[in-house]
Amino acid sequence: MNIVVGFKVVPDESLIRVSEDKLLLDVPLKLNTYDKNAIEEAVSLKERNGGRAIGITVGAGDRKVIREALAMGLDEVIVVKSNDLDVYDTSMAISENVRGLNPDLIIFGEQTVDSGTTGVPRYVAELLGMPFVSNVRSFSLEGKKFVAERGMVSYSEKVEGELPAVISVGGEINTPRIPSVRQIMESSKKPVKEVNFSLETKVKVKDVKPIVVKRKRVVIKEGDMGKAVDKLIELLRSEGLL
C-alpha cells in the first residue's frame, strides 16, 4: 500500500509578534499542527496494512522539521523546491510529483496555521481525479474499501468509498506520537529527495499586516461602583453598543 502524506513547514505562530503595523515573522519554523495528525494516521495505516508512507512538502524545506516528520515514521520525504506559489499552484506541484507514485491514499491536515485556506487537499483530489473526504475524525480500511467518519459542526457523517482517495484530517483523529531518541537518530539515514518546480503564479501576496484595533482607552475613575456602572452604560449607549 502506497500512502502519501502532505505536510507544510510553517512559522511558529506562538512566537509571532506585532510591532506597530508589521508582523515580526523572523521566528523558528515548525511542522504544521494538523499535519502531525496526518503523518500519524499515515504511519499507523502503514503499520497495520504494510506498504510505505512517503511525505511531500512544498516550499520551505527546513531540515530539522523534515527530520521530525521522518522520525515519526515516514519512509521518505520529497521536498519540492519552488518560488512563492499560491494554493492552486502548490496543489499542482504536489500532484505532479505524486502521480508517478501511484498512491492508494493521500492524507493532508485539514488546514495550515499560517494561511488556513483548506484548499490544497481539494485541489489535489481534483487534479488527480480522486474522490475526496474532508474533516475525517476516524478512518478504517478493509482491502480497498474504506469507512470514514466526518466530524461536522453539529453532527457526524459516515462515508464509505474505495481507494484510491484523498482525505484531510483534524486533531480528533489521533494523538501524534513523540519520536524516541533512536528514531530521531535513524531519521538522518532516511532518503530526502529534492525536486524543482517552477510556475508563474497568478496570485501573489504583496504584504501581510496585522489588524490594529485603535482603542479609545477610556478610563472611568469613580470611587462609587454604582456611579461607575452608570457612566459605563452611558458611554456604551453613546457608542451605539447598547
C-alpha atoms as a PDB file:
ATOM      1  CA  MET A   1       0.000   0.000   0.000  1.00  0.00           C
ATOM      2  CA  ASN A   2       1.369   3.369  -1.022  1.00  0.00           C
ATOM      3  CA  ILE A   3       0.399   6.231   1.279  1.00  0.00           C
ATOM      4  CA  VAL A   4       1.423   9.826   0.587  1.00  0.00           C
ATOM      5  CA  VAL A   5       1.085  12.493   3.260  1.00  0.00           C
ATOM      6  CA  GLY A   6       1.397  16.190   2.586  1.00  0.00           C
ATOM      7  CA  PHE A   7       2.861  18.452   5.236  1.00  0.00           C
ATOM      8  CA  LYS A   8       3.899  22.077   5.447  1.00  0.00           C
ATOM      9  CA  VAL A   9       6.757  23.833   7.187  1.00  0.00           C
ATOM     10  CA  VAL A  10       5.283  26.926   8.843  1.00  0.00           C
ATOM     11  CA  PRO A  11       6.390  29.721  11.193  1.00  0.00           C
ATOM     12  CA  ASP A  12       5.746  29.009  14.858  1.00  0.00           C
ATOM     13  CA  GLU A  13       2.649  31.165  15.271  1.00  0.00           C
ATOM     14  CA  SER A  14       3.011  31.261  19.054  1.00  0.00           C
ATOM     15  CA  LEU A  15       6.221  33.289  18.650  1.00  0.00           C
ATOM     16  CA  ILE A  16       4.998  35.808  16.067  1.00  0.00           C
ATOM     17  CA  ARG A  17       4.863  39.330  17.461  1.00  0.00           C
ATOM     18  CA  VAL A  18       3.323  42.604  16.296  1.00  0.00           C
ATOM     19  CA  SER A  19       5.355  45.796  16.029  1.00  0.00           C
ATOM     20  CA  GLU A  20       3.183  48.789  15.105  1.00  0.00           C
ATOM     21  CA  ASP A  21       1.793  47.822  11.670  1.00  0.00           C
ATOM     22  CA  LYS A  22       4.169  44.921  10.996  1.00  0.00           C
ATOM     23  CA  LEU A  23       4.221  41.226  11.810  1.00  0.00           C
ATOM     24  CA  LEU A  24       7.610  40.019  13.020  1.00  0.00           C
ATOM     25  CA  LEU A  25       7.853  36.742  11.118  1.00  0.00           C
ATOM     26  CA  ASP A  26      11.511  36.011  11.800  1.00  0.00           C
ATOM     27  CA  VAL A  27      10.660  33.101  14.098  1.00  0.00           C
ATOM     28  CA  PRO A  28      11.634  29.408  14.187  1.00  0.00           C
ATOM     29  CA  LEU A  29       9.872  27.061  11.767  1.00  0.00           C
ATOM     30  CA  LYS A  30       7.823  24.058  12.781  1.00  0.00           C
ATOM     31  CA  LEU A  31       5.750  21.197  11.420  1.00  0.00           C
ATOM     32  CA  ASN A  32       2.174  22.377  10.847  1.00  0.00           C
ATOM     33  CA  THR A  33      -0.015  21.243  13.751  1.00  0.00           C
ATOM     34  CA  TYR A  34      -2.683  19.267  11.864  1.00  0.00           C
ATOM     35  CA  ASP A  35      -0.064  17.757   9.561  1.00  0.00           C
ATOM     36  CA  LYS A  36       1.270  15.860  12.573  1.00  0.00           C
ATOM     37  CA  ASN A  37      -2.118  14.144  12.745  1.00  0.00           C
ATOM     38  CA  ALA A  38      -1.903  13.388   9.023  1.00  0.00           C
ATOM     39  CA  ILE A  39       1.560  11.854   9.415  1.00  0.00           C
ATOM     40  CA  GLU A  40       0.445   9.828  12.445  1.00  0.00           C
ATOM     41  CA  GLU A  41      -2.529   8.436  10.527  1.00  0.00           C
ATOM     42  CA  ALA A  42      -0.368   7.548   7.519  1.00  0.00           C
ATOM     43  CA  VAL A  43       2.227   5.770   9.648  1.00  0.00           C
ATOM     44  CA  SER A  44      -0.441   3.938  11.674  1.00  0.00           C
ATOM     45  CA  LEU A  45      -2.125   2.711   8.486  1.00  0.00           C
ATOM     46  CA  LYS A  46       1.241   1.564   7.139  1.00  0.00           C
ATOM     47  CA  GLU A  47       1.949  -0.353  10.341  1.00  0.00           C
ATOM     48  CA  ARG A  48      -1.435  -2.103  10.194  1.00  0.00           C
ATOM     49  CA  ASN A  49      -1.599  -2.774   6.448  1.00  0.00           C
ATOM     50  CA  GLY A  50       2.015  -2.804   5.238  1.00  0.00           C
ATOM     51  CA  GLY A  51       3.455  -0.712   2.445  1.00  0.00           C
ATOM     52  CA  ARG A  52       5.185   2.667   2.510  1.00  0.00           C
ATOM     53  CA  ALA A  53       4.384   6.145   3.809  1.00  0.00           C
ATOM     54  CA  ILE A  54       6.001   8.956   1.847  1.00  0.00           C
ATOM     55  CA  GLY A  55       5.866  12.615   2.830  1.00  0.00           C
ATOM     56  CA  ILE A  56       5.828  15.570   0.466  1.00  0.00           C
ATOM     57  CA  THR A  57       6.305  19.244   1.271  1.00  0.00           C
ATOM     58  CA  VAL A  58       6.437  22.316  -0.961  1.00  0.00           C
ATOM     59  CA  GLY A  59       8.473  25.453  -0.297  1.00  0.00           C
ATOM     60  CA  ALA A  60      10.475  25.835   2.893  1.00  0.00           C
ATOM     61  CA  GLY A  61      12.492  22.638   3.265  1.00  0.00           C
ATOM     62  CA  ASP A  62      13.717  23.069   6.830  1.00  0.00           C
ATOM     63  CA  ARG A  63      15.953  20.102   7.596  1.00  0.00           C
ATOM     64  CA  LYS A  64      15.034  19.937  11.289  1.00  0.00           C
ATOM     65  CA  VAL A  65      11.311  19.824  10.536  1.00  0.00           C
ATOM     66  CA  ILE A  66      11.808  17.220   7.804  1.00  0.00           C
ATOM     67  CA  ARG A  67      13.763  15.050  10.214  1.00  0.00           C
ATOM     68  CA  GLU A  68      10.921  15.321  12.717  1.00  0.00           C
ATOM     69  CA  ALA A  69       8.487  14.053  10.067  1.00  0.00           C
ATOM     70  CA  LEU A  70      10.833  11.169   9.212  1.00  0.00           C
ATOM     71  CA  ALA A  71      11.349  10.365  12.886  1.00  0.00           C
ATOM     72  CA  MET A  72       7.573   9.995  13.277  1.00  0.00           C
ATOM     73  CA  GLY A  73       7.743   7.059  10.860  1.00  0.00           C
ATOM     74  CA  LEU A  74       7.740   8.302   7.269  1.00  0.00           C
ATOM     75  CA  ASP A  75       9.953   6.239   4.961  1.00  0.00           C
ATOM     76  CA  GLU A  76      10.965   9.095   2.689  1.00  0.00           C
ATOM     77  CA  VAL A  77      10.278  12.785   2.096  1.00  0.00           C
ATOM     78  CA  ILE A  78      10.033  14.627  -1.207  1.00  0.00           C
ATOM     79  CA  VAL A  79      10.910  18.314  -0.943  1.00  0.00           C
ATOM     80  CA  VAL A  80       9.556  20.388  -3.814  1.00  0.00           C
ATOM     81  CA  LYS A  81      11.678  23.498  -4.162  1.00  0.00           C
ATOM     82  CA  SER A  82       9.829  26.357  -5.813  1.00  0.00           C
ATOM     83  CA  ASN A  83       9.197  30.065  -5.964  1.00  0.00           C
ATOM     84  CA  ASP A  84       6.310  31.511  -3.936  1.00  0.00           C
ATOM     85  CA  LEU A  85       3.239  29.585  -5.077  1.00  0.00           C
ATOM     86  CA  ASP A  86      -0.428  30.170  -4.413  1.00  0.00           C
ATOM     87  CA  VAL A  87      -2.740  27.410  -3.182  1.00  0.00           C
ATOM     88  CA  TYR A  88      -3.637  26.044  -6.607  1.00  0.00           C
ATOM     89  CA  ASP A  89      -0.038  26.088  -7.850  1.00  0.00           C
ATOM     90  CA  THR A  90       1.079  24.287  -4.695  1.00  0.00           C
ATOM     91  CA  SER A  91      -1.550  21.663  -5.426  1.00  0.00           C
ATOM     92  CA  MET A  92      -0.191  21.291  -8.959  1.00  0.00           C
ATOM     93  CA  ALA A  93       3.345  20.852  -7.601  1.00  0.00           C
ATOM     94  CA  ILE A  94       2.165  18.092  -5.268  1.00  0.00           C
ATOM     95  CA  SER A  95       0.027  16.384  -7.915  1.00  0.00           C
ATOM     96  CA  GLU A  96       2.815  16.263 -10.479  1.00  0.00           C
ATOM     97  CA  ASN A  97       5.252  14.759  -8.007  1.00  0.00           C
ATOM     98  CA  VAL A  98       2.986  12.091  -6.503  1.00  0.00           C
ATOM     99  CA  ARG A  99       1.252  10.932  -9.676  1.00  0.00           C
ATOM    100  CA  GLY A 100       4.112   8.579 -10.533  1.00  0.00           C
ATOM    101  CA  LEU A 101       3.982   7.002  -7.073  1.00  0.00           C
ATOM    102  CA  ASN A 102       0.523   5.568  -7.801  1.00  0.00           C
ATOM    103  CA  PRO A 103      -0.700   6.353  -4.278  1.00  0.00           C
ATOM    104  CA  ASP A 104      -3.570   4.368  -2.808  1.00  0.00           C
ATOM    105  CA  LEU A 105      -4.231   7.084  -0.256  1.00  0.00           C
ATOM    106  CA  ILE A 106      -3.174  10.713   0.120  1.00  0.00           C
ATOM    107  CA  ILE A 107      -3.599  12.329   3.539  1.00  0.00           C
ATOM    108  CA  PHE A 108      -3.442  16.015   4.440  1.00  0.00           C
ATOM    109  CA  GLY A 109      -4.018  18.010   7.593  1.00  0.00           C
ATOM    110  CA  GLU A 110      -7.355  19.834   7.472  1.00  0.00           C
ATOM    111  CA  GLN A 111      -5.680  23.263   7.352  1.00  0.00           C
ATOM    112  CA  THR A 112      -2.433  25.100   7.988  1.00  0.00           C
ATOM    113  CA  VAL A 113      -1.864  27.500  10.864  1.00  0.00           C
ATOM    114  CA  ASP A 114      -0.341  30.177   8.633  1.00  0.00           C
ATOM    115  CA  SER A 115      -2.889  30.583   5.832  1.00  0.00           C
ATOM    116  CA  GLY A 116      -5.794  28.327   6.805  1.00  0.00           C
ATOM    117  CA  THR A 117      -7.261  28.067   3.279  1.00  0.00           C
ATOM    118  CA  THR A 118      -8.074  24.298   3.486  1.00  0.00           C
ATOM    119  CA  GLY A 119      -7.776  24.355  -0.313  1.00  0.00           C
ATOM    120  CA  VAL A 120      -4.791  22.137  -1.168  1.00  0.00           C
ATOM    121  CA  PRO A 121      -6.352  18.707  -0.400  1.00  0.00           C
ATOM    122  CA  ARG A 122      -9.392  19.541  -2.528  1.00  0.00           C
ATOM    123  CA  TYR A 123      -7.360  20.765  -5.486  1.00  0.00           C
ATOM    124  CA  VAL A 124      -5.034  17.745  -5.356  1.00  0.00           C
ATOM    125  CA  ALA A 125      -8.012  15.382  -5.391  1.00  0.00           C
ATOM    126  CA  GLU A 126      -9.472  17.199  -8.402  1.00  0.00           C
ATOM    127  CA  LEU A 127      -6.160  17.268 -10.294  1.00  0.00           C
ATOM    128  CA  LEU A 128      -5.606  13.539  -9.725  1.00  0.00           C
ATOM    129  CA  GLY A 129      -9.224  12.572 -10.369  1.00  0.00           C
ATOM    130  CA  MET A 130      -9.662  11.001  -6.929  1.00  0.00           C
ATOM    131  CA  PRO A 131     -12.586  11.164  -4.506  1.00  0.00           C
ATOM    132  CA  PHE A 132     -12.090  13.445  -1.529  1.00  0.00           C
ATOM    133  CA  VAL A 133     -13.333  13.289   2.066  1.00  0.00           C
ATOM    134  CA  SER A 134     -12.714  16.194   4.446  1.00  0.00           C
ATOM    135  CA  ASN A 135     -12.879  16.627   8.227  1.00  0.00           C
ATOM    136  CA  VAL A 136     -12.115  12.942   8.821  1.00  0.00           C
ATOM    137  CA  ARG A 137     -12.004  12.058  12.516  1.00  0.00           C
ATOM    138  CA  SER A 138     -11.849   8.258  12.163  1.00  0.00           C
ATOM    139  CA  PHE A 139     -10.712   6.109   9.255  1.00  0.00           C
ATOM    140  CA  SER A 140     -10.665   2.344   8.707  1.00  0.00           C
ATOM    141  CA  LEU A 141      -9.689   0.113   5.802  1.00  0.00           C
ATOM    142  CA  GLU A 142     -10.813  -3.301   4.641  1.00  0.00           C
ATOM    143  CA  GLY A 143      -8.983  -4.204   1.489  1.00  0.00           C
ATOM    144  CA  LYS A 144      -9.617  -1.407  -0.989  1.00  0.00           C
ATOM    145  CA  LYS A 145     -12.748  -0.199   0.788  1.00  0.00           C
ATOM    146  CA  PHE A 146     -12.690   2.491   3.458  1.00  0.00           C
ATOM    147  CA  VAL A 147     -15.057   3.897   6.040  1.00  0.00           C
ATOM    148  CA  ALA A 148     -14.545   7.475   7.218  1.00  0.00           C
ATOM    149  CA  GLU A 149     -16.387   9.393   9.888  1.00  0.00           C
ATOM    150  CA  ARG A 150     -16.596  13.111   9.234  1.00  0.00           C
ATOM    151  CA  GLY A 151     -16.869  15.461  12.178  1.00  0.00           C
ATOM    152  CA  MET A 152     -19.187  18.316  11.265  1.00  0.00           C
ATOM    153  CA  VAL A 153     -20.208  21.300  13.401  1.00  0.00           C
ATOM    154  CA  SER A 154     -23.364  19.805  14.918  1.00  0.00           C
ATOM    155  CA  TYR A 155     -23.392  16.224  13.624  1.00  0.00           C
ATOM    156  CA  SER A 156     -21.179  13.414  12.290  1.00  0.00           C
ATOM    157  CA  GLU A 157     -21.327  11.751   8.902  1.00  0.00           C
ATOM    158  CA  LYS A 158     -20.283   8.248   7.844  1.00  0.00           C
ATOM    159  CA  VAL A 159     -18.752   7.961   4.377  1.00  0.00           C
ATOM    160  CA  GLU A 160     -17.876   4.735   2.544  1.00  0.00           C
ATOM    161  CA  GLY A 161     -15.720   4.541  -0.549  1.00  0.00           C
ATOM    162  CA  GLU A 162     -12.916   2.803  -2.400  1.00  0.00           C
ATOM    163  CA  LEU A 163      -9.251   3.590  -2.823  1.00  0.00           C
ATOM    164  CA  PRO A 164      -7.504   5.472  -4.286  1.00  0.00           C
ATOM    165  CA  ALA A 165      -8.716   8.535  -2.394  1.00  0.00           C
ATOM    166  CA  VAL A 166      -7.657  11.796  -0.778  1.00  0.00           C
ATOM    167  CA  ILE A 167      -8.639  12.675   2.795  1.00  0.00           C
ATOM    168  CA  SER A 168      -7.963  15.565   5.160  1.00  0.00           C
ATOM    169  CA  VAL A 169      -7.852  15.086   8.923  1.00  0.00           C
ATOM    170  CA  GLY A 170      -8.077  17.235  12.025  1.00  0.00           C
ATOM    171  CA  GLY A 171      -6.910  16.898  15.596  1.00  0.00           C
ATOM    172  CA  GLU A 172      -9.654  14.472  16.659  1.00  0.00           C
ATOM    173  CA  ILE A 173      -8.430  11.548  14.586  1.00  0.00           C
ATOM    174  CA  ASN A 174      -5.406  10.596  16.715  1.00  0.00           C
ATOM    175  CA  THR A 175      -2.661  11.696  19.058  1.00  0.00           C
ATOM    176  CA  PRO A 176       0.618  12.189  17.166  1.00  0.00           C
ATOM    177  CA  ARG A 177       3.467  10.098  18.520  1.00  0.00           C
ATOM    178  CA  ILE A 178       6.565  11.660  20.040  1.00  0.00           C
ATOM    179  CA  PRO A 179       9.643  10.130  18.374  1.00  0.00           C
ATOM    180  CA  SER A 180      12.202   8.426  20.584  1.00  0.00           C
ATOM    181  CA  VAL A 181      15.852   9.462  20.583  1.00  0.00           C
ATOM    182  CA  ARG A 182      16.662   6.383  18.492  1.00  0.00           C
ATOM    183  CA  GLN A 183      14.014   7.264  15.903  1.00  0.00           C
ATOM    184  CA  ILE A 184      15.348  10.815  15.704  1.00  0.00           C
ATOM    185  CA  MET A 185      18.877   9.497  15.143  1.00  0.00           C
ATOM    186  CA  GLU A 186      17.731   6.995  12.493  1.00  0.00           C
ATOM    187  CA  SER A 187      15.769   9.685  10.640  1.00  0.00           C
ATOM    188  CA  SER A 188      19.044  11.135   9.329  1.00  0.00           C
ATOM    189  CA  LYS A 189      19.584   7.924   7.326  1.00  0.00           C
ATOM    190  CA  LYS A 190      16.242   8.068   5.537  1.00  0.00           C
ATOM    191  CA  PRO A 191      16.106   9.468   1.975  1.00  0.00           C
ATOM    192  CA  VAL A 192      15.141  13.066   1.280  1.00  0.00           C
ATOM    193  CA  LYS A 193      14.560  13.737  -2.407  1.00  0.00           C
ATOM    194  CA  GLU A 194      14.697  17.320  -3.656  1.00  0.00           C
ATOM    195  CA  VAL A 195      12.947  18.294  -6.894  1.00  0.00           C
ATOM    196  CA  ASN A 196      12.373  21.648  -8.567  1.00  0.00           C
ATOM    197  CA  PHE A 197       9.038  23.059  -9.645  1.00  0.00           C
ATOM    198  CA  SER A 198       8.631  26.404 -11.350  1.00  0.00           C
ATOM    199  CA  LEU A 199       5.422  28.159 -12.275  1.00  0.00           C
ATOM    200  CA  GLU A 200       4.420  31.773 -12.758  1.00  0.00           C
ATOM    201  CA  THR A 201       1.765  32.154 -10.110  1.00  0.00           C
ATOM    202  CA  LYS A 202      -1.308  34.226 -10.894  1.00  0.00           C
ATOM    203  CA  VAL A 203      -1.908  35.283  -7.294  1.00  0.00           C
ATOM    204  CA  LYS A 204       0.827  36.875  -5.199  1.00  0.00           C
ATOM    205  CA  VAL A 205       0.768  38.045  -1.594  1.00  0.00           C
ATOM    206  CA  LYS A 206       2.225  41.562  -1.645  1.00  0.00           C
ATOM    207  CA  ASP A 207       2.102  42.301   2.050  1.00  0.00           C
ATOM    208  CA  VAL A 208       0.922  40.913   5.353  1.00  0.00           C
ATOM    209  CA  LYS A 209      -0.208  43.277   8.091  1.00  0.00           C
ATOM    210  CA  PRO A 210      -1.791  42.734  11.480  1.00  0.00           C
ATOM    211  CA  ILE A 211      -5.243  44.004  12.320  1.00  0.00           C
ATOM    212  CA  VAL A 212      -4.650  47.006  14.542  1.00  0.00           C
ATOM    213  CA  VAL A 213      -7.546  47.997  16.777  1.00  0.00           C
ATOM    214  CA  LYS A 214      -7.289  51.625  17.855  1.00  0.00           C
ATOM    215  CA  ARG A 215      -8.781  51.640  21.318  1.00  0.00           C
ATOM    216  CA  LYS A 216     -10.175  54.812  22.897  1.00  0.00           C
ATOM    217  CA  ARG A 217      -8.529  53.984  26.212  1.00  0.00           C
ATOM    218  CA  VAL A 218     -11.374  55.493  28.237  1.00  0.00           C
ATOM    219  CA  VAL A 219     -10.765  55.036  31.958  1.00  0.00           C
ATOM    220  CA  ILE A 220     -13.627  55.539  34.393  1.00  0.00           C
ATOM    221  CA  LYS A 221     -12.289  56.846  37.683  1.00  0.00           C
ATOM    222  CA  GLU A 222     -15.101  56.705  40.173  1.00  0.00           C
ATOM    223  CA  GLY A 223     -14.977  55.592  43.759  1.00  0.00           C
ATOM    224  CA  ASP A 224     -18.647  54.691  43.903  1.00  0.00           C
ATOM    225  CA  MET A 225     -19.297  51.438  41.991  1.00  0.00           C
ATOM    226  CA  GLY A 226     -22.891  52.375  41.191  1.00  0.00           C
ATOM    227  CA  LYS A 227     -21.870  55.678  39.605  1.00  0.00           C
ATOM    228  CA  ALA A 228     -19.044  53.940  37.717  1.00  0.00           C
ATOM    229  CA  VAL A 229     -21.513  51.452  36.231  1.00  0.00           C
ATOM    230  CA  ASP A 230     -23.866  54.285  35.245  1.00  0.00           C
ATOM    231  CA  LYS A 231     -21.028  56.081  33.441  1.00  0.00           C
ATOM    232  CA  LEU A 232     -20.029  52.860  31.667  1.00  0.00           C
ATOM    233  CA  ILE A 233     -23.592  52.275  30.472  1.00  0.00           C
ATOM    234  CA  GLU A 234     -23.816  55.879  29.291  1.00  0.00           C
ATOM    235  CA  LEU A 235     -20.582  55.519  27.314  1.00  0.00           C
ATOM    236  CA  LEU A 236     -21.703  52.240  25.732  1.00  0.00           C
ATOM    237  CA  ARG A 237     -25.023  53.799  24.731  1.00  0.00           C
ATOM    238  CA  SER A 238     -23.270  56.788  23.187  1.00  0.00           C
ATOM    239  CA  GLU A 239     -21.248  54.377  21.034  1.00  0.00           C
ATOM    240  CA  GLY A 240     -24.365  52.535  19.970  1.00  0.00           C
ATOM    241  CA  LEU A 241     -23.324  49.366  21.736  1.00  0.00           C
ATOM    242  CA  LEU A 242     -26.407  49.192  23.943  1.00  0.00           C
END
